[in-house]
């Protein structure tokens, strides 16, 4: 399994309703793209966030599933909207060394 973590640092002028809509659209990808085992998304509650306001943790069956997800048209549709609203994205993909 592959873990895919994305943190979002929103632009200052982005409103909370815009953020919530984007997070909702992202959460729907689990139902649209094969190979996603789990998908969790939410607002950052940490006081150590360094400005990152939300995050996703998702699990994919394998590297091939993640490779399919990134260019998938449904993901790209949301990503196109999302990239206009963020100052920065932080992405980590890893396979659990304990597996």
PDB file of N, CA and C in Angstrom:
ATOM      1  N   UNK A   1       0.849  -1.182   0.000  1.00  0.00           N
ATOM      2  CA  UNK A   1       0.000   0.000   0.000  1.00  0.00           C
ATOM      3  C   UNK A   1       0.892   1.242   0.000  1.00  0.00           C
ATOM      4  N   UNK A   2       0.398   2.284  -0.631  1.00  0.00           N
ATOM      5  CA  UNK A   2       1.103   3.551  -0.720  1.00  0.00           C
ATOM      6  C   UNK A   2       0.278   4.616   0.010  1.00  0.00           C
ATOM      7  N   UNK A   3       0.947   5.348   0.898  1.00  0.00           N
ATOM      8  CA  UNK A   3       0.318   6.466   1.603  1.00  0.00           C
ATOM      9  C   UNK A   3       0.636   7.754   0.839  1.00  0.00           C
ATOM     10  N   UNK A   4      -0.377   8.566   0.649  1.00  0.00           N
ATOM     11  CA  UNK A   4      -0.253   9.830  -0.092  1.00  0.00           C
ATOM     12  C   UNK A   4      -0.781  10.923   0.832  1.00  0.00           C
ATOM     13  N   UNK A   5       0.102  11.839   1.221  1.00  0.00           N
ATOM     14  CA  UNK A   5      -0.260  12.914   2.143  1.00  0.00           C
ATOM     15  C   UNK A   5      -0.047  14.240   1.432  1.00  0.00           C
ATOM     16  N   UNK A   6      -1.054  15.114   1.510  1.00  0.00           N
ATOM     17  CA  UNK A   6      -0.949  16.441   0.895  1.00  0.00           C
ATOM     18  C   UNK A   6      -1.408  17.473   1.927  1.00  0.00           C
ATOM     19  N   UNK A   7      -0.593  18.505   2.113  1.00  0.00           N
ATOM     20  CA  UNK A   7      -0.940  19.621   2.987  1.00  0.00           C
ATOM     21  C   UNK A   7      -1.123  20.862   2.133  1.00  0.00           C
ATOM     22  N   UNK A   8      -2.110  21.692   2.491  1.00  0.00           N
ATOM     23  CA  UNK A   8      -2.459  22.874   1.714  1.00  0.00           C
ATOM     24  C   UNK A   8      -2.218  24.149   2.520  1.00  0.00           C
ATOM     25  N   UNK A   9      -1.507  25.079   1.932  1.00  0.00           N
ATOM     26  CA  UNK A   9      -1.344  26.422   2.495  1.00  0.00           C
ATOM     27  C   UNK A   9      -2.155  27.349   1.591  1.00  0.00           C
ATOM     28  N   UNK A  10      -3.273  27.842   2.102  1.00  0.00           N
ATOM     29  CA  UNK A  10      -4.206  28.639   1.307  1.00  0.00           C
ATOM     30  C   UNK A  10      -3.698  30.061   1.111  1.00  0.00           C
ATOM     31  N   UNK A  11      -4.057  30.649  -0.025  1.00  0.00           N
ATOM     32  CA  UNK A  11      -3.791  32.066  -0.252  1.00  0.00           C
ATOM     33  C   UNK A  11      -4.614  32.873   0.751  1.00  0.00           C
ATOM     34  N   UNK A  12      -4.108  34.043   1.103  1.00  0.00           N
ATOM     35  CA  UNK A  12      -4.756  34.862   2.126  1.00  0.00           C
ATOM     36  C   UNK A  12      -6.188  35.269   1.774  1.00  0.00           C
ATOM     37  N   UNK A  13      -6.484  35.452   0.489  1.00  0.00           N
ATOM     38  CA  UNK A  13      -7.808  35.936   0.086  1.00  0.00           C
ATOM     39  C   UNK A  13      -8.842  34.820  -0.113  1.00  0.00           C
ATOM     40  N   UNK A  14      -8.461  33.574   0.125  1.00  0.00           N
ATOM     41  CA  UNK A  14      -9.387  32.455  -0.062  1.00  0.00           C
ATOM     42  C   UNK A  14     -10.334  32.371   1.135  1.00  0.00           C
ATOM     43  N   UNK A  15     -11.620  32.298   0.825  1.00  0.00           N
ATOM     44  CA  UNK A  15     -12.656  32.254   1.850  1.00  0.00           C
ATOM     45  C   UNK A  15     -12.906  30.811   2.306  1.00  0.00           C
ATOM     46  N   UNK A  16     -13.391  30.652   3.541  1.00  0.00           N
ATOM     47  CA  UNK A  16     -13.611  29.324   4.118  1.00  0.00           C
ATOM     48  C   UNK A  16     -14.619  28.515   3.306  1.00  0.00           C
ATOM     49  N   UNK A  17     -15.625  29.161   2.718  1.00  0.00           N
ATOM     50  CA  UNK A  17     -16.589  28.410   1.916  1.00  0.00           C
ATOM     51  C   UNK A  17     -15.941  27.849   0.648  1.00  0.00           C
ATOM     52  N   UNK A  18     -14.965  28.569   0.090  1.00  0.00           N
ATOM     53  CA  UNK A  18     -14.217  28.064  -1.066  1.00  0.00           C
ATOM     54  C   UNK A  18     -13.377  26.854  -0.664  1.00  0.00           C
ATOM     55  N   UNK A  19     -12.741  26.954   0.492  1.00  0.00           N
ATOM     56  CA  UNK A  19     -11.940  25.843   1.008  1.00  0.00           C
ATOM     57  C   UNK A  19     -12.817  24.622   1.224  1.00  0.00           C
ATOM     58  N   UNK A  20     -13.948  24.815   1.884  1.00  0.00           N
ATOM     59  CA  UNK A  20     -14.849  23.692   2.171  1.00  0.00           C
ATOM     60  C   UNK A  20     -15.355  23.036   0.895  1.00  0.00           C
ATOM     61  N   UNK A  21     -15.644  23.816  -0.124  1.00  0.00           N
ATOM     62  CA  UNK A  21     -16.109  23.262  -1.399  1.00  0.00           C
ATOM     63  C   UNK A  21     -15.000  22.430  -2.050  1.00  0.00           C
ATOM     64  N   UNK A  22     -13.785  22.943  -2.036  1.00  0.00           N
ATOM     65  CA  UNK A  22     -12.660  22.188  -2.610  1.00  0.00           C
ATOM     66  C   UNK A  22     -12.416  20.885  -1.831  1.00  0.00           C
ATOM     67  N   UNK A  23     -12.463  20.960  -0.527  1.00  0.00           N
ATOM     68  CA  UNK A  23     -12.265  19.755   0.283  1.00  0.00           C
ATOM     69  C   UNK A  23     -13.364  18.729   0.006  1.00  0.00           C
ATOM     70  N   UNK A  24     -14.586  19.208  -0.174  1.00  0.00           N
ATOM     71  CA  UNK A  24     -15.688  18.298  -0.501  1.00  0.00           C
ATOM     72  C   UNK A  24     -15.453  17.638  -1.865  1.00  0.00           C
ATOM     73  N   UNK A  25     -15.055  18.420  -2.847  1.00  0.00           N
ATOM     74  CA  UNK A  25     -14.781  17.866  -4.175  1.00  0.00           C
ATOM     75  C   UNK A  25     -13.653  16.837  -4.121  1.00  0.00           C
ATOM     76  N   UNK A  26     -12.625  17.140  -3.350  1.00  0.00           N
ATOM     77  CA  UNK A  26     -11.533  16.177  -3.190  1.00  0.00           C
ATOM     78  C   UNK A  26     -12.027  14.891  -2.535  1.00  0.00           C
ATOM     79  N   UNK A  27     -12.879  15.021  -1.529  1.00  0.00           N
ATOM     80  CA  UNK A  27     -13.372  13.836  -0.819  1.00  0.00           C
ATOM     81  C   UNK A  27     -14.185  12.918  -1.729  1.00  0.00           C
ATOM     82  N   UNK A  28     -14.786  13.467  -2.766  1.00  0.00           N
ATOM     83  CA  UNK A  28     -15.583  12.672  -3.701  1.00  0.00           C
ATOM     84  C   UNK A  28     -14.730  11.821  -4.646  1.00  0.00           C
ATOM     85  N   UNK A  29     -13.446  12.121  -4.736  1.00  0.00           N
ATOM     86  CA  UNK A  29     -12.587  11.374  -5.654  1.00  0.00           C
ATOM     87  C   UNK A  29     -12.504   9.894  -5.297  1.00  0.00           C
ATOM     88  N   UNK A  30     -12.672   9.560  -4.027  1.00  0.00           N
ATOM     89  CA  UNK A  30     -12.631   8.152  -3.612  1.00  0.00           C
ATOM     90  C   UNK A  30     -13.682   7.325  -4.356  1.00  0.00           C
ATOM     91  N   UNK A  31     -14.801   7.959  -4.659  1.00  0.00           N
ATOM     92  CA  UNK A  31     -15.893   7.266  -5.343  1.00  0.00           C
ATOM     93  C   UNK A  31     -15.754   7.286  -6.869  1.00  0.00           C
ATOM     94  N   UNK A  32     -14.754   8.003  -7.374  1.00  0.00           N
ATOM     95  CA  UNK A  32     -14.633   8.182  -8.813  1.00  0.00           C
ATOM     96  C   UNK A  32     -13.379   7.555  -9.427  1.00  0.00           C
ATOM     97  N   UNK A  33     -12.377   7.289  -8.585  1.00  0.00           N
ATOM     98  CA  UNK A  33     -11.095   6.820  -9.113  1.00  0.00           C
ATOM     99  C   UNK A  33     -10.745   5.481  -8.474  1.00  0.00           C
ATOM    100  N   UNK A  34     -10.490   4.459  -9.281  1.00  0.00           N
ATOM    101  CA  UNK A  34     -10.173   3.138  -8.719  1.00  0.00           C
ATOM    102  C   UNK A  34      -8.800   3.126  -8.043  1.00  0.00           C
ATOM    103  N   UNK A  35      -8.645   2.192  -7.100  1.00  0.00           N
ATOM    104  CA  UNK A  35      -7.355   1.988  -6.452  1.00  0.00           C
ATOM    105  C   UNK A  35      -7.175   2.724  -5.147  1.00  0.00           C
ATOM    106  N   UNK A  36      -8.154   3.567  -4.776  1.00  0.00           N
ATOM    107  CA  UNK A  36      -8.084   4.286  -3.511  1.00  0.00           C
ATOM    108  C   UNK A  36      -8.694   3.403  -2.423  1.00  0.00           C
ATOM    109  N   UNK A  37      -7.902   3.075  -1.416  1.00  0.00           N
ATOM    110  CA  UNK A  37      -8.360   2.237  -0.301  1.00  0.00           C
ATOM    111  C   UNK A  37      -9.033   3.095   0.760  1.00  0.00           C
ATOM    112  N   UNK A  38      -8.421   4.228   1.102  1.00  0.00           N
ATOM    113  CA  UNK A  38      -9.018   5.144   2.077  1.00  0.00           C
ATOM    114  C   UNK A  38      -8.646   6.571   1.714  1.00  0.00           C
ATOM    115  N   UNK A  39      -9.469   7.492   2.153  1.00  0.00           N
ATOM    116  CA  UNK A  39      -9.284   8.899   1.825  1.00  0.00           C
ATOM    117  C   UNK A  39      -9.819   9.703   2.990  1.00  0.00           C
ATOM    118  N   UNK A  40      -8.945  10.410   3.690  1.00  0.00           N
ATOM    119  CA  UNK A  40      -9.349  11.245   4.823  1.00  0.00           C
ATOM    120  C   UNK A  40      -8.893  12.665   4.548  1.00  0.00           C
ATOM    121  N   UNK A  41      -9.762  13.609   4.869  1.00  0.00           N
ATOM    122  CA  UNK A  41      -9.484  14.999   4.539  1.00  0.00           C
ATOM    123  C   UNK A  41     -10.079  15.904   5.599  1.00  0.00           C
ATOM    124  N   UNK A  42      -9.388  16.992   5.925  1.00  0.00           N
ATOM    125  CA  UNK A  42      -9.934  17.908   6.918  1.00  0.00           C
ATOM    126  C   UNK A  42      -9.061  19.122   7.148  1.00  0.00           C
ATOM    127  N   UNK A  43      -9.579  20.007   7.999  1.00  0.00           N
ATOM    128  CA  UNK A  43      -8.871  21.226   8.383  1.00  0.00           C
ATOM    129  C   UNK A  43      -7.804  20.890   9.424  1.00  0.00           C
ATOM    130  N   UNK A  44      -6.689  21.595   9.353  1.00  0.00           N
ATOM    131  CA  UNK A  44      -5.590  21.398  10.294  1.00  0.00           C
ATOM    132  C   UNK A  44      -5.950  22.026  11.641  1.00  0.00           C
ATOM    133  N   UNK A  45      -5.853  21.245  12.697  1.00  0.00           N
ATOM    134  CA  UNK A  45      -6.154  21.724  14.038  1.00  0.00           C
ATOM    135  C   UNK A  45      -4.893  22.055  14.837  1.00  0.00           C
ATOM    136  N   UNK A  46      -3.739  21.767  14.300  1.00  0.00           N
ATOM    137  CA  UNK A  46      -2.482  21.933  15.017  1.00  0.00           C
ATOM    138  C   UNK A  46      -2.080  23.397  15.142  1.00  0.00           C
ATOM    139  N   UNK A  47      -1.489  23.740  16.272  1.00  0.00           N
ATOM    140  CA  UNK A  47      -0.923  25.081  16.458  1.00  0.00           C
ATOM    141  C   UNK A  47       0.487  25.150  15.864  1.00  0.00           C
ATOM    142  N   UNK A  48       1.000  24.032  15.374  1.00  0.00           N
ATOM    143  CA  UNK A  48       2.337  23.963  14.769  1.00  0.00           C
ATOM    144  C   UNK A  48       2.252  23.816  13.256  1.00  0.00           C
ATOM    145  N   UNK A  49       1.219  24.343  12.655  1.00  0.00           N
ATOM    146  CA  UNK A  49       0.888  24.085  11.255  1.00  0.00           C
ATOM    147  C   UNK A  49       1.779  24.771  10.232  1.00  0.00           C
ATOM    148  N   UNK A  50       2.539  25.781  10.639  1.00  0.00           N
ATOM    149  CA  UNK A  50       3.370  26.563   9.730  1.00  0.00           C
ATOM    150  C   UNK A  50       2.575  27.110   8.552  1.00  0.00           C
ATOM    151  N   UNK A  51       1.291  27.386   8.786  1.00  0.00           N
ATOM    152  CA  UNK A  51       0.450  27.989   7.762  1.00  0.00           C
ATOM    153  C   UNK A  51      -0.336  27.021   6.904  1.00  0.00           C
ATOM    154  N   UNK A  52      -0.116  25.725   7.082  1.00  0.00           N
ATOM    155  CA  UNK A  52      -0.871  24.736   6.301  1.00  0.00           C
ATOM    156  C   UNK A  52      -2.232  24.532   6.955  1.00  0.00           C
ATOM    157  N   UNK A  53      -3.286  24.842   6.197  1.00  0.00           N
ATOM    158  CA  UNK A  53      -4.618  24.900   6.763  1.00  0.00           C
ATOM    159  C   UNK A  53      -5.469  23.660   6.624  1.00  0.00           C
ATOM    160  N   UNK A  54      -5.062  22.722   5.786  1.00  0.00           N
ATOM    161  CA  UNK A  54      -5.853  21.506   5.586  1.00  0.00           C
ATOM    162  C   UNK A  54      -4.932  20.416   5.059  1.00  0.00           C
ATOM    163  N   UNK A  55      -5.430  19.191   5.127  1.00  0.00           N
ATOM    164  CA  UNK A  55      -4.632  18.086   4.631  1.00  0.00           C
ATOM    165  C   UNK A  55      -5.464  16.901   4.205  1.00  0.00           C
ATOM    166  N   UNK A  56      -4.822  16.053   3.426  1.00  0.00           N
ATOM    167  CA  UNK A  56      -5.410  14.789   2.965  1.00  0.00           C
ATOM    168  C   UNK A  56      -4.435  13.680   3.315  1.00  0.00           C
ATOM    169  N   UNK A  57      -4.974  12.592   3.802  1.00  0.00           N
ATOM    170  CA  UNK A  57      -4.197  11.357   3.861  1.00  0.00           C
ATOM    171  C   UNK A  57      -4.996  10.325   3.084  1.00  0.00           C
ATOM    172  N   UNK A  58      -4.349   9.671   2.163  1.00  0.00           N
ATOM    173  CA  UNK A  58      -5.034   8.655   1.372  1.00  0.00           C
ATOM    174  C   UNK A  58      -4.122   7.446   1.226  1.00  0.00           C
ATOM    175  N   UNK A  59      -4.761   6.318   1.072  1.00  0.00           N
ATOM    176  CA  UNK A  59      -4.043   5.063   0.901  1.00  0.00           C
ATOM    177  C   UNK A  59      -4.434   4.475  -0.446  1.00  0.00           C
ATOM    178  N   UNK A  60      -3.412   4.061  -1.204  1.00  0.00           N
ATOM    179  CA  UNK A  60      -3.625   3.450  -2.514  1.00  0.00           C
ATOM    180  C   UNK A  60      -3.167   2.003  -2.472  1.00  0.00           C
ATOM    181  N   UNK A  61      -3.781   1.179  -3.283  1.00  0.00           N
ATOM    182  CA  UNK A  61      -3.439  -0.241  -3.327  1.00  0.00           C
ATOM    183  C   UNK A  61      -1.959  -0.464  -3.594  1.00  0.00           C
ATOM    184  N   UNK A  62      -1.413   0.322  -4.535  1.00  0.00           N
ATOM    185  CA  UNK A  62      -0.023   0.143  -4.945  1.00  0.00           C
ATOM    186  C   UNK A  62       0.434   1.387  -5.700  1.00  0.00           C
ATOM    187  N   UNK A  63       1.681   1.399  -6.101  1.00  0.00           N
ATOM    188  CA  UNK A  63       2.224   2.546  -6.823  1.00  0.00           C
ATOM    189  C   UNK A  63       1.479   2.797  -8.132  1.00  0.00           C
ATOM    190  N   UNK A  64       1.071   1.733  -8.799  1.00  0.00           N
ATOM    191  CA  UNK A  64       0.328   1.865 -10.045  1.00  0.00           C
ATOM    192  C   UNK A  64      -0.992   2.615  -9.829  1.00  0.00           C
ATOM    193  N   UNK A  65      -1.664   2.338  -8.715  1.00  0.00           N
ATOM    194  CA  UNK A  65      -2.916   3.040  -8.400  1.00  0.00           C
ATOM    195  C   UNK A  65      -2.678   4.529  -8.185  1.00  0.00           C
ATOM    196  N   UNK A  66      -1.603   4.873  -7.473  1.00  0.00           N
ATOM    197  CA  UNK A  66      -1.268   6.282  -7.270  1.00  0.00           C
ATOM    198  C   UNK A  66      -0.892   6.927  -8.603  1.00  0.00           C
ATOM    199  N   UNK A  67      -0.144   6.209  -9.433  1.00  0.00           N
ATOM    200  CA  UNK A  67       0.243   6.728 -10.749  1.00  0.00           C
ATOM    201  C   UNK A  67      -0.970   6.972 -11.641  1.00  0.00           C
ATOM    202  N   UNK A  68      -2.030   6.198 -11.456  1.00  0.00           N
ATOM    203  CA  UNK A  68      -3.275   6.394 -12.200  1.00  0.00           C
ATOM    204  C   UNK A  68      -4.063   7.582 -11.664  1.00  0.00           C
ATOM    205  N   UNK A  69      -4.020   7.769 -10.352  1.00  0.00           N
ATOM    206  CA  UNK A  69      -4.777   8.823  -9.670  1.00  0.00           C
ATOM    207  C   UNK A  69      -4.339  10.226 -10.101  1.00  0.00           C
ATOM    208  N   UNK A  70      -3.044  10.475 -10.108  1.00  0.00           N
ATOM    209  CA  UNK A  70      -2.530  11.832 -10.341  1.00  0.00           C
ATOM    210  C   UNK A  70      -3.019  12.416 -11.678  1.00  0.00           C
ATOM    211  N   UNK A  71      -2.883  11.718 -12.811  1.00  0.00           N
ATOM    212  CA  UNK A  71      -3.335  12.303 -14.079  1.00  0.00           C
ATOM    213  C   UNK A  71      -4.814  12.044 -14.400  1.00  0.00           C
ATOM    214  N   UNK A  72      -5.505  11.310 -13.526  1.00  0.00           N
ATOM    215  CA  UNK A  72      -6.908  10.975 -13.799  1.00  0.00           C
ATOM    216  C   UNK A  72      -7.712  12.268 -14.037  1.00  0.00           C
ATOM    217  N   UNK A  73      -8.596  12.289 -15.039  1.00  0.00           N
ATOM    218  CA  UNK A  73      -9.360  13.504 -15.355  1.00  0.00           C
ATOM    219  C   UNK A  73     -10.156  14.068 -14.174  1.00  0.00           C
ATOM    220  N   UNK A  74     -10.709  13.212 -13.334  1.00  0.00           N
ATOM    221  CA  UNK A  74     -11.475  13.700 -12.174  1.00  0.00           C
ATOM    222  C   UNK A  74     -10.552  14.401 -11.171  1.00  0.00           C
ATOM    223  N   UNK A  75      -9.372  13.853 -10.961  1.00  0.00           N
ATOM    224  CA  UNK A  75      -8.394  14.496 -10.070  1.00  0.00           C
ATOM    225  C   UNK A  75      -7.918  15.803 -10.678  1.00  0.00           C
ATOM    226  N   UNK A  76      -7.616  15.796 -11.959  1.00  0.00           N
ATOM    227  CA  UNK A  76      -7.128  16.998 -12.624  1.00  0.00           C
ATOM    228  C   UNK A  76      -8.158  18.122 -12.606  1.00  0.00           C
ATOM    229  N   UNK A  77      -9.432  17.769 -12.692  1.00  0.00           N
ATOM    230  CA  UNK A  77     -10.504  18.773 -12.656  1.00  0.00           C
ATOM    231  C   UNK A  77     -10.491  19.520 -11.318  1.00  0.00           C
ATOM    232  N   UNK A  78     -10.358  18.784 -10.227  1.00  0.00           N
ATOM    233  CA  UNK A  78     -10.310  19.408  -8.902  1.00  0.00           C
ATOM    234  C   UNK A  78      -8.971  20.127  -8.709  1.00  0.00           C
ATOM    235  N   UNK A  79      -7.893  19.499  -9.136  1.00  0.00           N
ATOM    236  CA  UNK A  79      -6.563  20.084  -8.974  1.00  0.00           C
ATOM    237  C   UNK A  79      -6.461  21.440  -9.671  1.00  0.00           C
ATOM    238  N   UNK A  80      -7.070  21.574 -10.835  1.00  0.00           N
ATOM    239  CA  UNK A  80      -7.050  22.835 -11.578  1.00  0.00           C
ATOM    240  C   UNK A  80      -7.671  23.961 -10.756  1.00  0.00           C
ATOM    241  N   UNK A  81      -8.760  23.673 -10.057  1.00  0.00           N
ATOM    242  CA  UNK A  81      -9.394  24.667  -9.178  1.00  0.00           C
ATOM    243  C   UNK A  81      -8.530  24.919  -7.947  1.00  0.00           C
ATOM    244  N   UNK A  82      -8.038  23.844  -7.382  1.00  0.00           N
ATOM    245  CA  UNK A  82      -7.280  23.901  -6.139  1.00  0.00           C
ATOM    246  C   UNK A  82      -6.003  24.722  -6.278  1.00  0.00           C
ATOM    247  N   UNK A  83      -5.267  24.509  -7.336  1.00  0.00           N
ATOM    248  CA  UNK A  83      -3.958  25.145  -7.500  1.00  0.00           C
ATOM    249  C   UNK A  83      -4.078  26.669  -7.570  1.00  0.00           C
ATOM    250  N   UNK A  84      -5.243  27.176  -7.928  1.00  0.00           N
ATOM    251  CA  UNK A  84      -5.473  28.615  -7.965  1.00  0.00           C
ATOM    252  C   UNK A  84      -5.685  29.201  -6.575  1.00  0.00           C
ATOM    253  N   UNK A  85      -5.952  28.340  -5.588  1.00  0.00           N
ATOM    254  CA  UNK A  85      -6.301  28.789  -4.236  1.00  0.00           C
ATOM    255  C   UNK A  85      -5.191  28.577  -3.213  1.00  0.00           C
ATOM    256  N   UNK A  86      -4.106  27.913  -3.600  1.00  0.00           N
ATOM    257  CA  UNK A  86      -3.049  27.611  -2.633  1.00  0.00           C
ATOM    258  C   UNK A  86      -1.783  28.417  -2.910  1.00  0.00           C
ATOM    259  N   UNK A  87      -1.097  28.776  -1.835  1.00  0.00           N
ATOM    260  CA  UNK A  87       0.236  29.360  -1.934  1.00  0.00           C
ATOM    261  C   UNK A  87       1.275  28.265  -2.059  1.00  0.00           C
ATOM    262  N   UNK A  88       0.985  27.123  -1.421  1.00  0.00           N
ATOM    263  CA  UNK A  88       1.948  26.035  -1.430  1.00  0.00           C
ATOM    264  C   UNK A  88       1.254  24.708  -1.127  1.00  0.00           C
ATOM    265  N   UNK A  89       1.791  23.659  -1.696  1.00  0.00           N
ATOM    266  CA  UNK A  89       1.374  22.285  -1.405  1.00  0.00           C
ATOM    267  C   UNK A  89       2.596  21.536  -0.900  1.00  0.00           C
ATOM    268  N   UNK A  90       2.382  20.680   0.062  1.00  0.00           N
ATOM    269  CA  UNK A  90       3.439  19.797   0.526  1.00  0.00           C
ATOM    270  C   UNK A  90       2.934  18.375   0.347  1.00  0.00           C
ATOM    271  N   UNK A  91       3.675  17.561  -0.414  1.00  0.00           N
ATOM    272  CA  UNK A  91       3.237  16.202  -0.737  1.00  0.00           C
ATOM    273  C   UNK A  91       4.288  15.211  -0.264  1.00  0.00           C
ATOM    274  N   UNK A  92       3.809  14.137   0.382  1.00  0.00           N
ATOM    275  CA  UNK A  92       4.666  13.022   0.788  1.00  0.00           C
ATOM    276  C   UNK A  92       3.970  11.748   0.357  1.00  0.00           C
ATOM    277  N   UNK A  93       4.690  10.893  -0.371  1.00  0.00           N
ATOM    278  CA  UNK A  93       4.203   9.577  -0.775  1.00  0.00           C
ATOM    279  C   UNK A  93       5.188   8.553  -0.221  1.00  0.00           C
ATOM    280  N   UNK A  94       4.668   7.546   0.468  1.00  0.00           N
ATOM    281  CA  UNK A  94       5.569   6.541   1.003  1.00  0.00           C
ATOM    282  C   UNK A  94       4.890   5.190   1.134  1.00  0.00           C
ATOM    283  N   UNK A  95       5.713   4.154   1.139  1.00  0.00           N
ATOM    284  CA  UNK A  95       5.245   2.813   1.422  1.00  0.00           C
ATOM    285  C   UNK A  95       5.702   2.486   2.836  1.00  0.00           C
ATOM    286  N   UNK A  96       4.790   1.995   3.646  1.00  0.00           N
ATOM    287  CA  UNK A  96       5.092   1.670   5.040  1.00  0.00           C
ATOM    288  C   UNK A  96       6.214   0.636   5.096  1.00  0.00           C
ATOM    289  N   UNK A  97       7.304   0.968   5.771  1.00  0.00           N
ATOM    290  CA  UNK A  97       8.438   0.047   5.852  1.00  0.00           C
ATOM    291  C   UNK A  97       8.137  -1.148   6.751  1.00  0.00           C
ATOM    292  N   UNK A  98       7.016  -1.096   7.463  1.00  0.00           N
ATOM    293  CA  UNK A  98       6.635  -2.192   8.350  1.00  0.00           C
ATOM    294  C   UNK A  98       5.812  -3.257   7.618  1.00  0.00           C
ATOM    295  N   UNK A  99       5.440  -2.996   6.367  1.00  0.00           N
ATOM    296  CA  UNK A  99       4.639  -3.975   5.610  1.00  0.00           C
ATOM    297  C   UNK A  99       5.494  -5.121   5.144  1.00  0.00           C
TER     298      UNK A  99
END
